């Protein structure tokens, strides 16, 4: 059974032992926090990072429209396309992603080459509509067994353990085996369950200052919210794939490259305000990066290890 990244510290010993035997989750994209003032230092714990060619495989659980799948697959492509700087107008997803390379420079590990891999559809809800952490790990194992980040994406009508109560997404890894080892991510569509918690600033927040919601850049509050959380978990996975990479705090509830900068999307951010974002003159949508296929996205600030501060592109 996969260990939850939000278990109380009294279970730390149990979690360490369990992670040696079972699939284990580490970082989590917690419920919306409207900007926290902090100066974390993300320490390298000398563990293995991802390197070489790495496929990002998408496991779609539940019903997603083709247009919804395209929004997220284009985002992954924006991370993985060689020479994407030339194809994406500034500010770009690929430039945002380069901050994670600085962690690899510190660890003297070659940065991985990401590619969009398989897309696996399970629109028959083969494991039901209420999933545990163990179910997420089982779904993740349908992707590549090694040199991979397998991303489980659950539809709006799927309940997941901890979803909307303590987290919007999480990441972890499979146990070591003869067939290899893979990292995995889970992100849920919060559109009908908790958009005020997991899709802010595209929905009015449940807590904190009640500012009007912003227009989602791809016209889908749930999916654009998933992109924010997927971006956060991708950054955590690349810099802390197996629980012993770069992070601050306890291993079972770490602060990572994106989660160290909660609620920050642009310069000038403060509680209830994501920052001075770009606005599309035609649609009125707010965004901070351009991606593949002419897409626009909102991605979280990343903690820059070279400046020890949260870095934004706008």
Protein backbone atom coordinates (compact mmCIF):
# COMPACT_ATOMS: atom_id res chain seq x y z
CA UNK A 1 0.00 0.00 0.00
CA UNK A 2 1.36 3.42 -0.85
CA UNK A 3 2.18 5.58 2.16
CA UNK A 4 0.47 8.94 2.22
CA UNK A 5 2.72 11.99 2.19
CA UNK A 6 0.53 13.61 4.81
CA UNK A 7 0.71 11.00 7.59
CA UNK A 8 1.57 12.37 11.08
CA UNK A 9 5.23 12.17 12.06
CA UNK A 10 4.44 9.45 14.62
CA UNK A 11 4.29 7.11 11.62
CA UNK A 12 7.70 8.12 10.24
CA UNK A 13 9.40 4.83 11.21
CA UNK A 14 6.56 2.81 9.72
CA UNK A 15 6.74 4.87 6.51
CA UNK A 16 10.50 4.40 6.13
CA UNK A 17 10.11 0.61 6.44
CA UNK A 18 7.08 0.56 4.13
CA UNK A 19 8.87 2.53 1.43
CA UNK A 20 11.47 -0.22 1.21
CA UNK A 21 8.76 -2.74 0.33
CA UNK A 22 5.89 -0.89 -1.31
CA UNK A 23 5.22 2.02 -3.59
CA UNK A 24 5.59 5.20 -1.59
CA UNK A 25 4.49 8.80 -2.10
CA UNK A 26 6.58 11.77 -1.06
CA UNK A 27 5.64 15.31 -2.06
CA UNK A 28 2.10 16.60 -2.18
CA UNK A 29 0.47 19.65 -3.69
CA UNK A 30 -1.52 20.68 -0.62
CA UNK A 31 -4.79 22.55 -0.59
CA UNK A 32 -4.52 26.12 -1.75
CA UNK A 33 -2.33 28.31 0.45
CA UNK A 34 -2.50 32.01 -0.34
CA UNK A 35 1.18 32.99 -0.18
CA UNK A 36 3.37 32.12 2.77
CA UNK A 37 6.36 34.23 3.69
CA UNK A 38 9.30 31.90 4.18
CA UNK A 39 12.92 31.46 3.14
CA UNK A 40 13.44 27.72 2.78
CA UNK A 41 16.70 26.03 1.94
CA UNK A 42 16.18 22.86 -0.09
CA UNK A 43 18.90 20.44 0.96
CA UNK A 44 20.22 17.71 -1.32
CA UNK A 45 19.95 14.38 0.50
CA UNK A 46 22.36 12.64 -1.90
CA UNK A 47 19.77 10.35 -3.46
CA UNK A 48 19.37 9.40 -7.11
CA UNK A 49 17.74 11.83 -9.54
CA UNK A 50 16.19 11.09 -12.91
CA UNK A 51 18.63 11.15 -15.80
CA UNK A 52 18.90 10.04 -19.43
CA UNK A 53 15.79 9.68 -21.62
CA UNK A 54 12.63 9.75 -19.50
CA UNK A 55 9.13 9.16 -20.87
CA UNK A 56 6.15 10.96 -19.31
CA UNK A 57 3.23 8.57 -19.65
CA UNK A 58 -0.33 9.76 -19.04
CA UNK A 59 -2.89 7.38 -17.49
CA UNK A 60 -6.35 8.92 -17.89
CA UNK A 61 -8.74 7.46 -15.32
CA UNK A 62 -12.38 8.25 -15.92
CA UNK A 63 -14.01 10.30 -18.63
CA UNK A 64 -12.05 13.14 -20.21
CA UNK A 65 -12.96 14.92 -23.44
CA UNK A 66 -10.35 14.82 -26.21
CA UNK A 67 -10.00 18.59 -25.86
CA UNK A 68 -9.19 18.21 -22.15
CA UNK A 69 -6.56 15.57 -22.84
CA UNK A 70 -4.98 17.84 -25.46
CA UNK A 71 -4.55 20.71 -22.96
CA UNK A 72 -2.51 18.53 -20.60
CA UNK A 73 -0.59 16.58 -23.24
CA UNK A 74 0.42 19.86 -24.88
CA UNK A 75 1.71 21.01 -21.49
CA UNK A 76 3.89 17.91 -21.17
CA UNK A 77 5.10 18.42 -24.72
CA UNK A 78 6.02 21.99 -23.75
CA UNK A 79 8.41 20.52 -21.18
CA UNK A 80 9.88 17.92 -23.47
CA UNK A 81 10.30 19.40 -26.95
CA UNK A 82 13.92 19.93 -27.98
CA UNK A 83 14.53 23.46 -29.11
CA UNK A 84 11.13 24.42 -27.68
CA UNK A 85 12.46 27.86 -26.76
CA UNK A 86 12.27 28.70 -30.47
CA UNK A 87 8.70 27.39 -30.75
CA UNK A 88 7.25 28.98 -27.62
CA UNK A 89 7.05 32.77 -27.38
CA UNK A 90 8.50 34.28 -24.22
CA UNK A 91 7.77 33.82 -21.42
CA UNK A 92 7.69 30.08 -22.11
CA UNK A 93 7.06 26.83 -20.29
CA UNK A 94 10.51 25.65 -21.35
CA UNK A 95 12.18 28.70 -19.77
CA UNK A 96 10.18 28.14 -16.57
CA UNK A 97 11.30 24.50 -16.56
CA UNK A 98 14.99 25.42 -16.80
CA UNK A 99 14.99 26.42 -13.12
CA UNK A 100 14.89 22.69 -12.28
CA UNK A 101 18.15 22.23 -14.20
CA UNK A 102 19.93 24.26 -11.52
CA UNK A 103 19.28 21.49 -9.01
CA UNK A 104 20.94 18.99 -11.33
CA UNK A 105 23.94 21.27 -11.71
CA UNK A 106 24.32 21.29 -7.92
CA UNK A 107 24.09 17.50 -7.75
CA UNK A 108 26.38 17.06 -10.78
CA UNK A 109 23.76 14.88 -12.46
CA UNK A 110 22.94 15.12 -16.16
CA UNK A 111 19.50 16.65 -16.66
CA UNK A 112 16.99 14.17 -18.14
CA UNK A 113 15.51 14.47 -21.61
CA UNK A 114 11.74 14.29 -21.21
CA UNK A 115 9.40 13.06 -23.94
CA UNK A 116 5.64 12.57 -24.02
CA UNK A 117 5.17 8.81 -23.91
CA UNK A 118 2.09 6.60 -23.93
CA UNK A 119 -1.42 7.80 -23.20
CA UNK A 120 -3.48 5.07 -21.55
CA UNK A 121 -7.26 5.49 -21.31
CA UNK A 122 -9.42 3.88 -18.61
CA UNK A 123 -12.83 5.47 -19.07
CA UNK A 124 -14.62 2.42 -17.65
CA UNK A 125 -13.52 3.19 -14.07
CA UNK A 126 -11.97 -0.28 -13.70
CA UNK A 127 -11.15 0.31 -10.01
CA UNK A 128 -14.37 2.17 -9.19
CA UNK A 129 -14.92 5.84 -8.43
CA UNK A 130 -13.35 5.94 -4.98
CA UNK A 131 -9.61 5.33 -5.03
CA UNK A 132 -7.02 4.77 -2.32
CA UNK A 133 -3.32 5.56 -2.48
CA UNK A 134 -2.75 1.88 -3.28
CA UNK A 135 -5.14 2.17 -6.24
CA UNK A 136 -3.20 5.19 -7.54
CA UNK A 137 0.05 3.20 -7.31
CA UNK A 138 -1.60 0.30 -9.15
CA UNK A 139 -2.78 2.61 -11.94
CA UNK A 140 0.68 4.19 -12.17
CA UNK A 141 2.20 0.75 -12.75
CA UNK A 142 0.35 0.57 -16.08
CA UNK A 143 2.92 2.98 -17.49
CA UNK A 144 6.54 2.21 -18.33
CA UNK A 145 8.42 0.19 -15.65
CA UNK A 146 11.61 2.25 -15.77
CA UNK A 147 13.06 5.55 -17.03
CA UNK A 148 9.59 7.00 -16.68
CA UNK A 149 7.28 9.39 -14.89
CA UNK A 150 3.83 7.80 -14.97
CA UNK A 151 1.10 10.40 -14.42
CA UNK A 152 -2.32 9.29 -13.15
CA UNK A 153 -5.01 11.86 -13.95
CA UNK A 154 -8.42 11.28 -12.34
CA UNK A 155 -11.68 12.68 -13.71
CA UNK A 156 -13.96 15.13 -11.91
CA UNK A 157 -16.29 12.38 -10.65
CA UNK A 158 -13.52 10.29 -9.06
CA UNK A 159 -12.83 10.58 -5.33
CA UNK A 160 -9.26 9.93 -4.20
CA UNK A 161 -7.96 9.39 -0.68
CA UNK A 162 -7.02 12.80 0.76
CA UNK A 163 -8.29 14.74 -2.27
CA UNK A 164 -9.91 18.05 -1.29
CA UNK A 165 -9.24 17.31 2.39
CA UNK A 166 -5.47 17.74 2.46
CA UNK A 167 -4.04 17.68 -1.06
CA UNK A 168 -4.61 18.36 -4.75
CA UNK A 169 -1.94 16.00 -6.10
CA UNK A 170 1.04 13.95 -5.01
CA UNK A 171 4.08 12.13 -6.33
CA UNK A 172 6.02 9.03 -5.37
CA UNK A 173 7.89 6.07 -6.81
CA UNK A 174 7.70 2.33 -7.31
CA UNK A 175 9.86 -0.06 -5.27
CA UNK A 176 13.16 -1.24 -6.67
CA UNK A 177 12.79 -4.35 -8.81
CA UNK A 178 14.57 -6.32 -11.51
CA UNK A 179 12.45 -4.57 -14.14
CA UNK A 180 13.56 -1.13 -12.93
CA UNK A 181 12.00 1.73 -11.04
CA UNK A 182 9.67 4.55 -12.07
CA UNK A 183 8.43 7.79 -10.54
CA UNK A 184 4.75 8.60 -10.58
CA UNK A 185 2.36 11.50 -10.08
CA UNK A 186 -1.32 11.76 -9.30
CA UNK A 187 -3.44 14.86 -9.98
CA UNK A 188 -7.23 15.06 -9.79
CA UNK A 189 -9.77 17.24 -11.58
CA UNK A 190 -11.28 19.40 -8.82
CA UNK A 191 -13.97 21.06 -11.00
CA UNK A 192 -16.96 19.64 -9.13
CA UNK A 193 -15.36 18.63 -5.82
CA UNK A 194 -13.17 21.50 -4.60
CA UNK A 195 -12.26 24.10 -7.26
CA UNK A 196 -11.89 26.77 -4.59
CA UNK A 197 -9.13 24.70 -3.02
CA UNK A 198 -7.37 23.08 -5.98
CA UNK A 199 -8.12 25.38 -8.95
CA UNK A 200 -7.48 28.82 -7.42
CA UNK A 201 -7.06 31.48 -8.83
CA UNK A 202 -9.52 30.30 -11.50
CA UNK A 203 -12.20 29.81 -8.84
CA UNK A 204 -13.01 31.90 -5.78
CA UNK A 205 -11.07 30.52 -2.80
CA UNK A 206 -12.83 28.73 0.03
CA UNK A 207 -10.69 30.54 2.60
CA UNK A 208 -8.87 33.85 2.74
CA UNK A 209 -9.53 37.06 0.81
CA UNK A 210 -12.53 36.64 -1.51
CA UNK A 211 -11.16 38.09 -4.72
CA UNK A 212 -12.96 37.46 -8.04
CA UNK A 213 -11.74 34.38 -9.93
CA UNK A 214 -9.52 34.84 -12.98
CA UNK A 215 -10.40 33.56 -16.46
CA UNK A 216 -8.74 30.21 -17.16
CA UNK A 217 -6.38 30.35 -20.20
CA UNK A 218 -7.78 27.19 -21.81
CA UNK A 219 -11.38 27.83 -20.84
CA UNK A 220 -11.62 24.90 -18.41
CA UNK A 221 -11.31 25.68 -14.69
CA UNK A 222 -10.79 22.05 -13.70
CA UNK A 223 -8.20 21.23 -16.36
CA UNK A 224 -6.32 24.53 -16.02
CA UNK A 225 -6.23 23.83 -12.28
CA UNK A 226 -4.83 20.37 -13.02
CA UNK A 227 -2.05 21.96 -15.06
CA UNK A 228 -1.02 24.09 -12.06
CA UNK A 229 -0.88 21.03 -9.82
CA UNK A 230 0.79 18.84 -12.46
CA UNK A 231 3.45 21.51 -12.98
CA UNK A 232 4.10 21.58 -9.25
CA UNK A 233 4.34 17.79 -9.02
CA UNK A 234 6.57 17.55 -12.11
CA UNK A 235 9.02 19.97 -10.50
CA UNK A 236 8.93 17.95 -7.27
CA UNK A 237 9.37 14.68 -9.15
CA UNK A 238 12.37 15.89 -11.14
CA UNK A 239 14.16 17.26 -8.08
CA UNK A 240 13.05 14.65 -5.51
CA UNK A 241 11.93 11.56 -7.43
CA UNK A 242 12.65 8.87 -4.83
CA UNK A 243 12.29 10.76 -1.57
CA UNK A 244 15.98 11.47 -1.03
CA UNK A 245 16.65 14.32 -3.46
CA UNK A 246 16.16 18.06 -2.86
CA UNK A 247 13.69 19.06 -0.15
CA UNK A 248 13.25 20.72 3.22
CA UNK A 249 11.50 19.30 6.26
CA UNK A 250 10.36 15.74 7.01
CA UNK A 251 10.64 13.18 4.23
CA UNK A 252 6.94 12.26 4.40
CA UNK A 253 5.78 15.89 4.03
CA UNK A 254 8.57 17.80 2.31
CA UNK A 255 8.78 21.29 0.89
CA UNK A 256 9.98 20.93 -2.69
CA UNK A 257 10.86 23.09 -5.70
CA UNK A 258 7.29 24.34 -6.28
CA UNK A 259 5.56 23.66 -2.95
CA UNK A 260 8.15 25.91 -1.27
CA UNK A 261 6.48 28.85 -3.09
CA UNK A 262 2.74 28.46 -2.37
CA UNK A 263 0.33 30.95 -3.92
CA UNK A 264 3.01 32.74 -5.97
CA UNK A 265 2.59 32.97 -9.76
CA UNK A 266 4.06 36.37 -10.60
CA UNK A 267 5.81 39.35 -9.08
CA UNK A 268 3.73 41.31 -6.60
CA UNK A 269 1.92 38.26 -5.19
CA UNK A 270 0.36 38.55 -1.75
CA UNK A 271 -2.37 36.61 0.13
CA UNK A 272 -5.38 36.31 -2.17
CA UNK A 273 -3.53 37.80 -5.16
CA UNK A 274 -1.43 35.54 -7.44
CA UNK A 275 0.72 38.41 -8.77
CA UNK A 276 0.87 40.64 -11.83
CA UNK A 277 -0.09 38.09 -14.47
CA UNK A 278 -0.31 38.51 -18.22
CA UNK A 279 -3.81 38.87 -19.66
CA UNK A 280 -4.87 37.71 -23.11
CA UNK A 281 -6.32 40.71 -24.93
CA UNK A 282 -8.88 38.57 -26.78
CA UNK A 283 -10.16 36.19 -24.09
CA UNK A 284 -9.32 38.11 -20.93
CA UNK A 285 -7.62 34.96 -19.58
CA UNK A 286 -4.74 35.22 -17.12
CA UNK A 287 -1.51 33.28 -17.66
CA UNK A 288 2.23 33.49 -17.12
CA UNK A 289 3.75 31.17 -19.77
CA UNK A 290 3.29 30.19 -23.40
CA UNK A 291 3.42 26.54 -24.39
CA UNK A 292 3.29 24.20 -27.36
CA UNK A 293 0.56 24.48 -29.98
CA UNK A 294 -0.07 28.13 -29.10
CA UNK A 295 -1.27 27.23 -25.59
CA UNK A 296 -1.16 29.55 -22.60
CA UNK A 297 -0.80 28.23 -19.06
CA UNK A 298 -0.49 29.30 -15.45
CA UNK A 299 2.40 27.62 -13.62
CA UNK A 300 3.62 28.11 -10.04
CA UNK A 301 6.78 29.93 -9.03
CA UNK A 302 9.77 27.65 -8.51
CA UNK A 303 12.34 27.93 -5.76
CA UNK A 304 15.62 28.95 -7.42
CA UNK A 305 18.55 27.32 -5.59
CA UNK A 306 21.00 29.85 -7.03
CA UNK A 307 19.20 32.82 -5.44
CA UNK A 308 17.38 31.03 -2.55
CA UNK A 309 14.17 32.72 -3.59
CA UNK A 310 10.94 32.01 -5.45
CA UNK A 311 11.46 32.66 -9.16
CA UNK A 312 8.75 33.87 -11.55
CA UNK A 313 8.89 34.75 -15.23
CA UNK A 314 6.51 37.73 -15.04
